[in-house]
mmCIF file of all heavy atoms, coordinates in Angstrom:
data_MODEL
# 
_entry.id   MODEL 
# 
loop_
_atom_site.group_PDB 
_atom_site.id 
_atom_site.type_symbol 
_atom_site.label_atom_id 
_atom_site.label_alt_id 
_atom_site.label_comp_id 
_atom_site.label_asym_id 
_atom_site.label_entity_id 
_atom_site.label_seq_id 
_atom_site.pdbx_PDB_ins_code 
_atom_site.Cartn_x 
_atom_site.Cartn_y 
_atom_site.Cartn_z 
_atom_site.occupancy 
_atom_site.B_iso_or_equiv 
_atom_site.pdbx_formal_charge 
_atom_site.auth_seq_id 
_atom_site.auth_comp_id 
_atom_site.auth_asym_id 
_atom_site.auth_atom_id 
_atom_site.pdbx_PDB_model_num 
ATOM 1   N N   . VAL A 1 1  ? 40.353 203.295 -11.017 1.00 0.00 ? 1  VAL A N   1 
ATOM 2   C CA  . VAL A 1 1  ? 38.978 203.795 -11.020 1.00 0.00 ? 1  VAL A CA  1 
ATOM 3   C C   . VAL A 1 1  ? 38.155 202.762 -10.256 1.00 0.00 ? 1  VAL A C   1 
ATOM 4   O O   . VAL A 1 1  ? 37.981 201.628 -10.703 1.00 0.00 ? 1  VAL A O   1 
ATOM 5   C CB  . VAL A 1 1  ? 38.458 203.985 -12.455 1.00 0.00 ? 1  VAL A CB  1 
ATOM 6   C CG1 . VAL A 1 1  ? 37.031 204.518 -12.441 1.00 0.00 ? 1  VAL A CG1 1 
ATOM 7   C CG2 . VAL A 1 1  ? 39.388 204.940 -13.235 1.00 0.00 ? 1  VAL A CG2 1 
ATOM 8   N N   . ASP A 1 2  ? 37.665 203.180 -9.085  1.00 0.00 ? 2  ASP A N   1 
ATOM 9   C CA  . ASP A 1 2  ? 37.162 202.243 -8.078  1.00 0.00 ? 2  ASP A CA  1 
ATOM 10  C C   . ASP A 1 2  ? 35.702 202.527 -7.722  1.00 0.00 ? 2  ASP A C   1 
ATOM 11  O O   . ASP A 1 2  ? 35.427 203.322 -6.832  1.00 0.00 ? 2  ASP A O   1 
ATOM 12  C CB  . ASP A 1 2  ? 38.051 202.369 -6.835  1.00 0.00 ? 2  ASP A CB  1 
ATOM 13  C CG  . ASP A 1 2  ? 37.623 201.481 -5.688  1.00 0.00 ? 2  ASP A CG  1 
ATOM 14  O OD1 . ASP A 1 2  ? 36.926 200.482 -5.942  1.00 0.00 ? 2  ASP A OD1 1 
ATOM 15  O OD2 . ASP A 1 2  ? 37.995 201.788 -4.547  1.00 0.00 ? 2  ASP A OD2 1 
ATOM 16  N N   . PRO A 1 3  ? 34.750 201.886 -8.391  1.00 0.00 ? 3  PRO A N   1 
ATOM 17  C CA  . PRO A 1 3  ? 33.336 202.173 -8.126  1.00 0.00 ? 3  PRO A CA  1 
ATOM 18  C C   . PRO A 1 3  ? 32.805 201.596 -6.825  1.00 0.00 ? 3  PRO A C   1 
ATOM 19  O O   . PRO A 1 3  ? 31.741 202.001 -6.362  1.00 0.00 ? 3  PRO A O   1 
ATOM 20  C CB  . PRO A 1 3  ? 32.625 201.550 -9.327  1.00 0.00 ? 3  PRO A CB  1 
ATOM 21  C CG  . PRO A 1 3  ? 33.519 200.449 -9.769  1.00 0.00 ? 3  PRO A CG  1 
ATOM 22  C CD  . PRO A 1 3  ? 34.918 200.929 -9.492  1.00 0.00 ? 3  PRO A CD  1 
ATOM 23  N N   . LYS A 1 4  ? 33.516 200.658 -6.196  1.00 0.00 ? 4  LYS A N   1 
ATOM 24  C CA  . LYS A 1 4  ? 33.020 200.032 -4.963  1.00 0.00 ? 4  LYS A CA  1 
ATOM 25  C C   . LYS A 1 4  ? 33.753 200.489 -3.704  1.00 0.00 ? 4  LYS A C   1 
ATOM 26  O O   . LYS A 1 4  ? 33.418 200.092 -2.598  1.00 0.00 ? 4  LYS A O   1 
ATOM 27  C CB  . LYS A 1 4  ? 33.120 198.505 -5.091  1.00 0.00 ? 4  LYS A CB  1 
ATOM 28  C CG  . LYS A 1 4  ? 32.135 197.938 -6.101  1.00 0.00 ? 4  LYS A CG  1 
ATOM 29  C CD  . LYS A 1 4  ? 32.402 196.496 -6.439  1.00 0.00 ? 4  LYS A CD  1 
ATOM 30  C CE  . LYS A 1 4  ? 32.418 195.578 -5.242  1.00 0.00 ? 4  LYS A CE  1 
ATOM 31  N NZ  . LYS A 1 4  ? 32.613 194.160 -5.627  1.00 0.00 ? 4  LYS A NZ  1 
ATOM 32  N N   . GLY A 1 5  ? 34.766 201.322 -3.856  1.00 0.00 ? 5  GLY A N   1 
ATOM 33  C CA  . GLY A 1 5  ? 35.472 201.853 -2.701  1.00 0.00 ? 5  GLY A CA  1 
ATOM 34  C C   . GLY A 1 5  ? 36.343 200.849 -1.983  1.00 0.00 ? 5  GLY A C   1 
ATOM 35  O O   . GLY A 1 5  ? 36.587 200.979 -0.785  1.00 0.00 ? 5  GLY A O   1 
ATOM 36  N N   . GLU A 1 6  ? 36.861 199.852 -2.701  1.00 0.00 ? 6  GLU A N   1 
ATOM 37  C CA  . GLU A 1 6  ? 37.665 198.813 -2.066  1.00 0.00 ? 6  GLU A CA  1 
ATOM 38  C C   . GLU A 1 6  ? 39.165 199.041 -2.178  1.00 0.00 ? 6  GLU A C   1 
ATOM 39  O O   . GLU A 1 6  ? 39.945 198.439 -1.444  1.00 0.00 ? 6  GLU A O   1 
ATOM 40  C CB  . GLU A 1 6  ? 37.308 197.445 -2.658  1.00 0.00 ? 6  GLU A CB  1 
ATOM 41  C CG  . GLU A 1 6  ? 35.873 197.037 -2.370  1.00 0.00 ? 6  GLU A CG  1 
ATOM 42  C CD  . GLU A 1 6  ? 35.493 195.716 -3.010  1.00 0.00 ? 6  GLU A CD  1 
ATOM 43  O OE1 . GLU A 1 6  ? 36.249 195.240 -3.892  1.00 0.00 ? 6  GLU A OE1 1 
ATOM 44  O OE2 . GLU A 1 6  ? 34.447 195.161 -2.640  1.00 0.00 ? 6  GLU A OE2 1 
ATOM 45  N N   . ALA A 1 7  ? 39.577 199.923 -3.082  1.00 0.00 ? 7  ALA A N   1 
ATOM 46  C CA  . ALA A 1 7  ? 41.012 200.107 -3.328  1.00 0.00 ? 7  ALA A CA  1 
ATOM 47  C C   . ALA A 1 7  ? 41.724 200.824 -2.189  1.00 0.00 ? 7  ALA A C   1 
ATOM 48  O O   . ALA A 1 7  ? 42.954 200.803 -2.130  1.00 0.00 ? 7  ALA A O   1 
ATOM 49  C CB  . ALA A 1 7  ? 41.235 200.864 -4.636  1.00 0.00 ? 7  ALA A CB  1 
ATOM 50  N N   . HIS A 1 8  ? 40.970 201.445 -1.271  1.00 0.00 ? 8  HIS A N   1 
ATOM 51  C CA  . HIS A 1 8  ? 41.640 202.126 -0.160  1.00 0.00 ? 8  HIS A CA  1 
ATOM 52  C C   . HIS A 1 8  ? 42.413 201.138 0.716   1.00 0.00 ? 8  HIS A C   1 
ATOM 53  O O   . HIS A 1 8  ? 43.259 201.531 1.516   1.00 0.00 ? 8  HIS A O   1 
ATOM 54  C CB  . HIS A 1 8  ? 40.642 202.933 0.685   1.00 0.00 ? 8  HIS A CB  1 
ATOM 55  C CG  . HIS A 1 8  ? 39.716 202.093 1.509   1.00 0.00 ? 8  HIS A CG  1 
ATOM 56  N ND1 . HIS A 1 8  ? 38.529 201.625 1.014   1.00 0.00 ? 8  HIS A ND1 1 
ATOM 57  C CD2 . HIS A 1 8  ? 39.824 201.614 2.776   1.00 0.00 ? 8  HIS A CD2 1 
ATOM 58  C CE1 . HIS A 1 8  ? 37.930 200.904 1.953   1.00 0.00 ? 8  HIS A CE1 1 
ATOM 59  N NE2 . HIS A 1 8  ? 38.688 200.879 3.020   1.00 0.00 ? 8  HIS A NE2 1 
ATOM 60  N N   . GLY A 1 9  ? 42.142 199.834 0.538   1.00 0.00 ? 9  GLY A N   1 
ATOM 61  C CA  . GLY A 1 9  ? 42.903 198.819 1.246   1.00 0.00 ? 9  GLY A CA  1 
ATOM 62  C C   . GLY A 1 9  ? 44.391 198.861 0.906   1.00 0.00 ? 9  GLY A C   1 
ATOM 63  O O   . GLY A 1 9  ? 45.217 198.376 1.676   1.00 0.00 ? 9  GLY A O   1 
ATOM 64  N N   . LEU A 1 10 ? 44.737 199.455 -0.238  1.00 0.00 ? 10 LEU A N   1 
ATOM 65  C CA  . LEU A 1 10 ? 46.140 199.589 -0.615  1.00 0.00 ? 10 LEU A CA  1 
ATOM 66  C C   . LEU A 1 10 ? 46.898 200.529 0.319   1.00 0.00 ? 10 LEU A C   1 
ATOM 67  O O   . LEU A 1 10 ? 48.132 200.520 0.348   1.00 0.00 ? 10 LEU A O   1 
ATOM 68  C CB  . LEU A 1 10 ? 46.256 200.129 -2.051  1.00 0.00 ? 10 LEU A CB  1 
ATOM 69  C CG  . LEU A 1 10 ? 45.884 199.165 -3.173  1.00 0.00 ? 10 LEU A CG  1 
ATOM 70  C CD1 . LEU A 1 10 ? 45.682 199.918 -4.470  1.00 0.00 ? 10 LEU A CD1 1 
ATOM 71  C CD2 . LEU A 1 10 ? 46.969 198.102 -3.328  1.00 0.00 ? 10 LEU A CD2 1 
ATOM 72  N N   . LEU A 1 11 ? 46.170 201.335 1.078   1.00 0.00 ? 11 LEU A N   1 
ATOM 73  C CA  . LEU A 1 11 ? 46.808 202.334 1.925   1.00 0.00 ? 11 LEU A CA  1 
ATOM 74  C C   . LEU A 1 11 ? 47.368 201.755 3.215   1.00 0.00 ? 11 LEU A C   1 
ATOM 75  O O   . LEU A 1 11 ? 48.145 202.412 3.904   1.00 0.00 ? 11 LEU A O   1 
ATOM 76  C CB  . LEU A 1 11 ? 45.818 203.461 2.256   1.00 0.00 ? 11 LEU A CB  1 
ATOM 77  C CG  . LEU A 1 11 ? 45.165 204.160 1.061   1.00 0.00 ? 11 LEU A CG  1 
ATOM 78  C CD1 . LEU A 1 11 ? 44.213 205.237 1.540   1.00 0.00 ? 11 LEU A CD1 1 
ATOM 79  C CD2 . LEU A 1 11 ? 46.217 204.725 0.122   1.00 0.00 ? 11 LEU A CD2 1 
ATOM 80  N N   . SER A 1 12 ? 46.953 200.529 3.565   1.00 0.00 ? 12 SER A N   1 
ATOM 81  C CA  . SER A 1 12 ? 47.427 199.951 4.824   1.00 0.00 ? 12 SER A CA  1 
ATOM 82  C C   . SER A 1 12 ? 47.789 198.481 4.646   1.00 0.00 ? 12 SER A C   1 
ATOM 83  O O   . SER A 1 12 ? 47.298 197.801 3.752   1.00 0.00 ? 12 SER A O   1 
ATOM 84  C CB  . SER A 1 12 ? 46.362 200.101 5.915   1.00 0.00 ? 12 SER A CB  1 
ATOM 85  O OG  . SER A 1 12 ? 45.158 199.484 5.524   1.00 0.00 ? 12 SER A OG  1 
ATOM 86  N N   . ASN A 1 13 ? 48.655 198.006 5.530   1.00 0.00 ? 13 ASN A N   1 
ATOM 87  C CA  . ASN A 1 13 ? 49.042 196.602 5.568   1.00 0.00 ? 13 ASN A CA  1 
ATOM 88  C C   . ASN A 1 13 ? 47.989 195.799 6.327   1.00 0.00 ? 13 ASN A C   1 
ATOM 89  O O   . ASN A 1 13 ? 47.069 196.365 6.923   1.00 0.00 ? 13 ASN A O   1 
ATOM 90  C CB  . ASN A 1 13 ? 50.406 196.451 6.252   1.00 0.00 ? 13 ASN A CB  1 
ATOM 91  C CG  . ASN A 1 13 ? 51.502 197.149 5.490   1.00 0.00 ? 13 ASN A CG  1 
ATOM 92  O OD1 . ASN A 1 13 ? 51.614 197.014 4.277   1.00 0.00 ? 13 ASN A OD1 1 
ATOM 93  N ND2 . ASN A 1 13 ? 52.327 197.914 6.208   1.00 0.00 ? 13 ASN A ND2 1 
ATOM 94  N N   . ALA A 1 14 ? 48.139 194.482 6.328   1.00 0.00 ? 14 ALA A N   1 
ATOM 95  C CA  . ALA A 1 14 ? 47.177 193.609 7.007   1.00 0.00 ? 14 ALA A CA  1 
ATOM 96  C C   . ALA A 1 14 ? 47.067 193.917 8.498   1.00 0.00 ? 14 ALA A C   1 
ATOM 97  O O   . ALA A 1 14 ? 46.001 193.752 9.096   1.00 0.00 ? 14 ALA A O   1 
ATOM 98  C CB  . ALA A 1 14 ? 47.563 192.141 6.804   1.00 0.00 ? 14 ALA A CB  1 
ATOM 99  N N   . ASP A 1 15 ? 48.154 194.418 9.100   1.00 0.00 ? 15 ASP A N   1 
ATOM 100 C CA  . ASP A 1 15 ? 48.118 194.727 10.535  1.00 0.00 ? 15 ASP A CA  1 
ATOM 101 C C   . ASP A 1 15 ? 47.635 196.139 10.836  1.00 0.00 ? 15 ASP A C   1 
ATOM 102 O O   . ASP A 1 15 ? 47.660 196.580 11.986  1.00 0.00 ? 15 ASP A O   1 
ATOM 103 C CB  . ASP A 1 15 ? 49.500 194.502 11.162  1.00 0.00 ? 15 ASP A CB  1 
ATOM 104 C CG  . ASP A 1 15 ? 50.572 195.423 10.566  1.00 0.00 ? 15 ASP A CG  1 
ATOM 105 O OD1 . ASP A 1 15 ? 50.234 196.269 9.705   1.00 0.00 ? 15 ASP A OD1 1 
ATOM 106 O OD2 . ASP A 1 15 ? 51.745 195.292 10.962  1.00 0.00 ? 15 ASP A OD2 1 
ATOM 107 N N   . GLY A 1 16 ? 47.199 196.861 9.789   1.00 0.00 ? 16 GLY A N   1 
ATOM 108 C CA  . GLY A 1 16 ? 46.659 198.202 9.986   1.00 0.00 ? 16 GLY A CA  1 
ATOM 109 C C   . GLY A 1 16 ? 47.674 199.322 9.881   1.00 0.00 ? 16 GLY A C   1 
ATOM 110 O O   . GLY A 1 16 ? 47.308 200.501 9.890   1.00 0.00 ? 16 GLY A O   1 
ATOM 111 N N   . THR A 1 17 ? 48.946 198.984 9.776   1.00 0.00 ? 17 THR A N   1 
ATOM 112 C CA  . THR A 1 17 ? 49.965 200.025 9.639   1.00 0.00 ? 17 THR A CA  1 
ATOM 113 C C   . THR A 1 17 ? 49.957 200.564 8.202   1.00 0.00 ? 17 THR A C   1 
ATOM 114 O O   . THR A 1 17 ? 49.545 199.864 7.273   1.00 0.00 ? 17 THR A O   1 
ATOM 115 C CB  . THR A 1 17 ? 51.364 199.465 9.969   1.00 0.00 ? 17 THR A CB  1 
ATOM 116 O OG1 . THR A 1 17 ? 51.633 198.361 9.084   1.00 0.00 ? 17 THR A OG1 1 
ATOM 117 C CG2 . THR A 1 17 ? 51.427 199.006 11.416  1.00 0.00 ? 17 THR A CG2 1 
ATOM 118 N N   . PRO A 1 18 ? 50.400 201.806 8.002   1.00 0.00 ? 18 PRO A N   1 
ATOM 119 C CA  . PRO A 1 18 ? 50.425 202.373 6.646   1.00 0.00 ? 18 PRO A CA  1 
ATOM 120 C C   . PRO A 1 18 ? 51.297 201.550 5.707   1.00 0.00 ? 18 PRO A C   1 
ATOM 121 O O   . PRO A 1 18 ? 52.383 201.104 6.086   1.00 0.00 ? 18 PRO A O   1 
ATOM 122 C CB  . PRO A 1 18 ? 51.005 203.776 6.861   1.00 0.00 ? 18 PRO A CB  1 
ATOM 123 C CG  . PRO A 1 18 ? 50.746 204.089 8.293   1.00 0.00 ? 18 PRO A CG  1 
ATOM 124 C CD  . PRO A 1 18 ? 50.834 202.771 9.016   1.00 0.00 ? 18 PRO A CD  1 
ATOM 125 N N   . SER A 1 19 ? 50.812 201.350 4.500   1.00 0.00 ? 19 SER A N   1 
ATOM 126 C CA  . SER A 1 19 ? 51.560 200.549 3.527   1.00 0.00 ? 19 SER A CA  1 
ATOM 127 C C   . SER A 1 19 ? 52.763 201.294 2.968   1.00 0.00 ? 19 SER A C   1 
ATOM 128 O O   . SER A 1 19 ? 53.734 200.674 2.539   1.00 0.00 ? 19 SER A O   1 
ATOM 129 C CB  . SER A 1 19 ? 50.643 200.143 2.368   1.00 0.00 ? 19 SER A CB  1 
ATOM 130 O OG  . SER A 1 19 ? 50.270 201.296 1.612   1.00 0.00 ? 19 SER A OG  1 
ATOM 131 N N   . GLY A 1 20 ? 52.679 202.601 2.953   1.00 0.00 ? 20 GLY A N   1 
ATOM 132 C CA  . GLY A 1 20 ? 53.769 203.390 2.390   1.00 0.00 ? 20 GLY A CA  1 
ATOM 133 C C   . GLY A 1 20 ? 53.811 203.379 0.875   1.00 0.00 ? 20 GLY A C   1 
ATOM 134 O O   . GLY A 1 20 ? 54.756 203.902 0.277   1.00 0.00 ? 20 GLY A O   1 
ATOM 135 N N   . LEU A 1 21 ? 52.798 202.798 0.236   1.00 0.00 ? 21 LEU A N   1 
ATOM 136 C CA  . LEU A 1 21 ? 52.771 202.782 -1.227  1.00 0.00 ? 21 LEU A CA  1 
ATOM 137 C C   . LEU A 1 21 ? 52.567 204.214 -1.745  1.00 0.00 ? 21 LEU A C   1 
ATOM 138 O O   . LEU A 1 21 ? 51.787 204.984 -1.176  1.00 0.00 ? 21 LEU A O   1 
ATOM 139 C CB  . LEU A 1 21 ? 51.653 201.876 -1.734  1.00 0.00 ? 21 LEU A CB  1 
ATOM 140 C CG  . LEU A 1 21 ? 51.854 200.384 -1.500  1.00 0.00 ? 21 LEU A CG  1 
ATOM 141 C CD1 . LEU A 1 21 ? 50.587 199.609 -1.866  1.00 0.00 ? 21 LEU A CD1 1 
ATOM 142 C CD2 . LEU A 1 21 ? 53.043 199.857 -2.303  1.00 0.00 ? 21 LEU A CD2 1 
ATOM 143 N N   . PRO A 1 22 ? 53.238 204.576 -2.833  1.00 0.00 ? 22 PRO A N   1 
ATOM 144 C CA  . PRO A 1 22 ? 53.169 205.942 -3.351  1.00 0.00 ? 22 PRO A CA  1 
ATOM 145 C C   . PRO A 1 22 ? 51.897 206.195 -4.161  1.00 0.00 ? 22 PRO A C   1 
ATOM 146 O O   . PRO A 1 22 ? 51.925 206.288 -5.391  1.00 0.00 ? 22 PRO A O   1 
ATOM 147 C CB  . PRO A 1 22 ? 54.430 206.040 -4.220  1.00 0.00 ? 22 PRO A CB  1 
ATOM 148 C CG  . PRO A 1 22 ? 54.613 204.639 -4.726  1.00 0.00 ? 22 PRO A CG  1 
ATOM 149 C CD  . PRO A 1 22 ? 54.176 203.735 -3.604  1.00 0.00 ? 22 PRO A CD  1 
ATOM 150 N N   . ILE A 1 23 ? 50.776 206.308 -3.472  1.00 0.00 ? 23 ILE A N   1 
ATOM 151 C CA  . ILE A 1 23 ? 49.498 206.509 -4.143  1.00 0.00 ? 23 ILE A CA  1 
ATOM 152 C C   . ILE A 1 23 ? 48.626 207.422 -3.295  1.00 0.00 ? 23 ILE A C   1 
ATOM 153 O O   . ILE A 1 23 ? 48.654 207.355 -2.062  1.00 0.00 ? 23 ILE A O   1 
ATOM 154 C CB  . ILE A 1 23 ? 48.805 205.151 -4.414  1.00 0.00 ? 23 ILE A CB  1 
ATOM 155 C CG1 . ILE A 1 23 ? 47.639 205.312 -5.385  1.00 0.00 ? 23 ILE A CG1 1 
ATOM 156 C CG2 . ILE A 1 23 ? 48.394 204.452 -3.130  1.00 0.00 ? 23 ILE A CG2 1 
ATOM 157 C CD1 . ILE A 1 23 ? 47.161 204.003 -6.009  1.00 0.00 ? 23 ILE A CD1 1 
ATOM 158 N N   . ILE A 1 24 ? 47.898 208.316 -3.954  1.00 0.00 ? 24 ILE A N   1 
ATOM 159 C CA  . ILE A 1 24 ? 46.991 209.236 -3.261  1.00 0.00 ? 24 ILE A CA  1 
ATOM 160 C C   . ILE A 1 24 ? 45.558 208.815 -3.567  1.00 0.00 ? 24 ILE A C   1 
ATOM 161 O O   . ILE A 1 24 ? 45.192 208.629 -4.734  1.00 0.00 ? 24 ILE A O   1 
ATOM 162 C CB  . ILE A 1 24 ? 47.213 210.686 -3.702  1.00 0.00 ? 24 ILE A CB  1 
ATOM 163 C CG1 . ILE A 1 24 ? 48.625 211.158 -3.326  1.00 0.00 ? 24 ILE A CG1 1 
ATOM 164 C CG2 . ILE A 1 24 ? 46.176 211.614 -3.070  1.00 0.00 ? 24 ILE A CG2 1 
ATOM 165 C CD1 . ILE A 1 24 ? 48.961 212.547 -3.813  1.00 0.00 ? 24 ILE A CD1 1 
ATOM 166 N N   . ALA A 1 25 ? 44.756 208.680 -2.516  1.00 0.00 ? 25 ALA A N   1 
ATOM 167 C CA  . ALA A 1 25 ? 43.359 208.258 -2.667  1.00 0.00 ? 25 ALA A CA  1 
ATOM 168 C C   . ALA A 1 25 ? 42.425 209.456 -2.540  1.00 0.00 ? 25 ALA A C   1 
ATOM 169 O O   . ALA A 1 25 ? 42.524 210.227 -1.589  1.00 0.00 ? 25 ALA A O   1 
ATOM 170 C CB  . ALA A 1 25 ? 43.014 207.213 -1.623  1.00 0.00 ? 25 ALA A CB  1 
ATOM 171 N N   . PHE A 1 26 ? 41.519 209.576 -3.499  1.00 0.00 ? 26 PHE A N   1 
ATOM 172 C CA  . PHE A 1 26 ? 40.479 210.590 -3.479  1.00 0.00 ? 26 PHE A CA  1 
ATOM 173 C C   . PHE A 1 26 ? 39.142 209.912 -3.224  1.00 0.00 ? 26 PHE A C   1 
ATOM 174 O O   . PHE A 1 26 ? 38.851 208.869 -3.799  1.00 0.00 ? 26 PHE A O   1 
ATOM 175 C CB  . PHE A 1 26 ? 40.416 211.338 -4.820  1.00 0.00 ? 26 PHE A CB  1 
ATOM 176 C CG  . PHE A 1 26 ? 41.580 212.258 -5.053  1.00 0.00 ? 26 PHE A CG  1 
ATOM 177 C CD1 . PHE A 1 26 ? 42.787 211.764 -5.530  1.00 0.00 ? 26 PHE A CD1 1 
ATOM 178 C CD2 . PHE A 1 26 ? 41.471 213.618 -4.792  1.00 0.00 ? 26 PHE A CD2 1 
ATOM 179 C CE1 . PHE A 1 26 ? 43.860 212.608 -5.749  1.00 0.00 ? 26 PHE A CE1 1 
ATOM 180 C CE2 . PHE A 1 26 ? 42.544 214.467 -5.015  1.00 0.00 ? 26 PHE A CE2 1 
ATOM 181 C CZ  . PHE A 1 26 ? 43.744 213.965 -5.489  1.00 0.00 ? 26 PHE A CZ  1 
ATOM 182 N N   . GLY A 1 27 ? 38.313 210.518 -2.392  1.00 0.00 ? 27 GLY A N   1 
ATOM 183 C CA  . GLY A 1 27 ? 37.004 209.971 -2.072  1.00 0.00 ? 27 GLY A CA  1 
ATOM 184 C C   . GLY A 1 27 ? 36.968 209.436 -0.659  1.00 0.00 ? 27 GLY A C   1 
ATOM 185 O O   . GLY A 1 27 ? 37.957 209.538 0.084   1.00 0.00 ? 27 GLY A O   1 
# 
């Protein structure tokens, strides 16, 4: 539960490539 919108960083690696983590982001 992310009130500041920072958790979308989990979707990508430091180099900008997709992280491949099994998570769906809403918002």
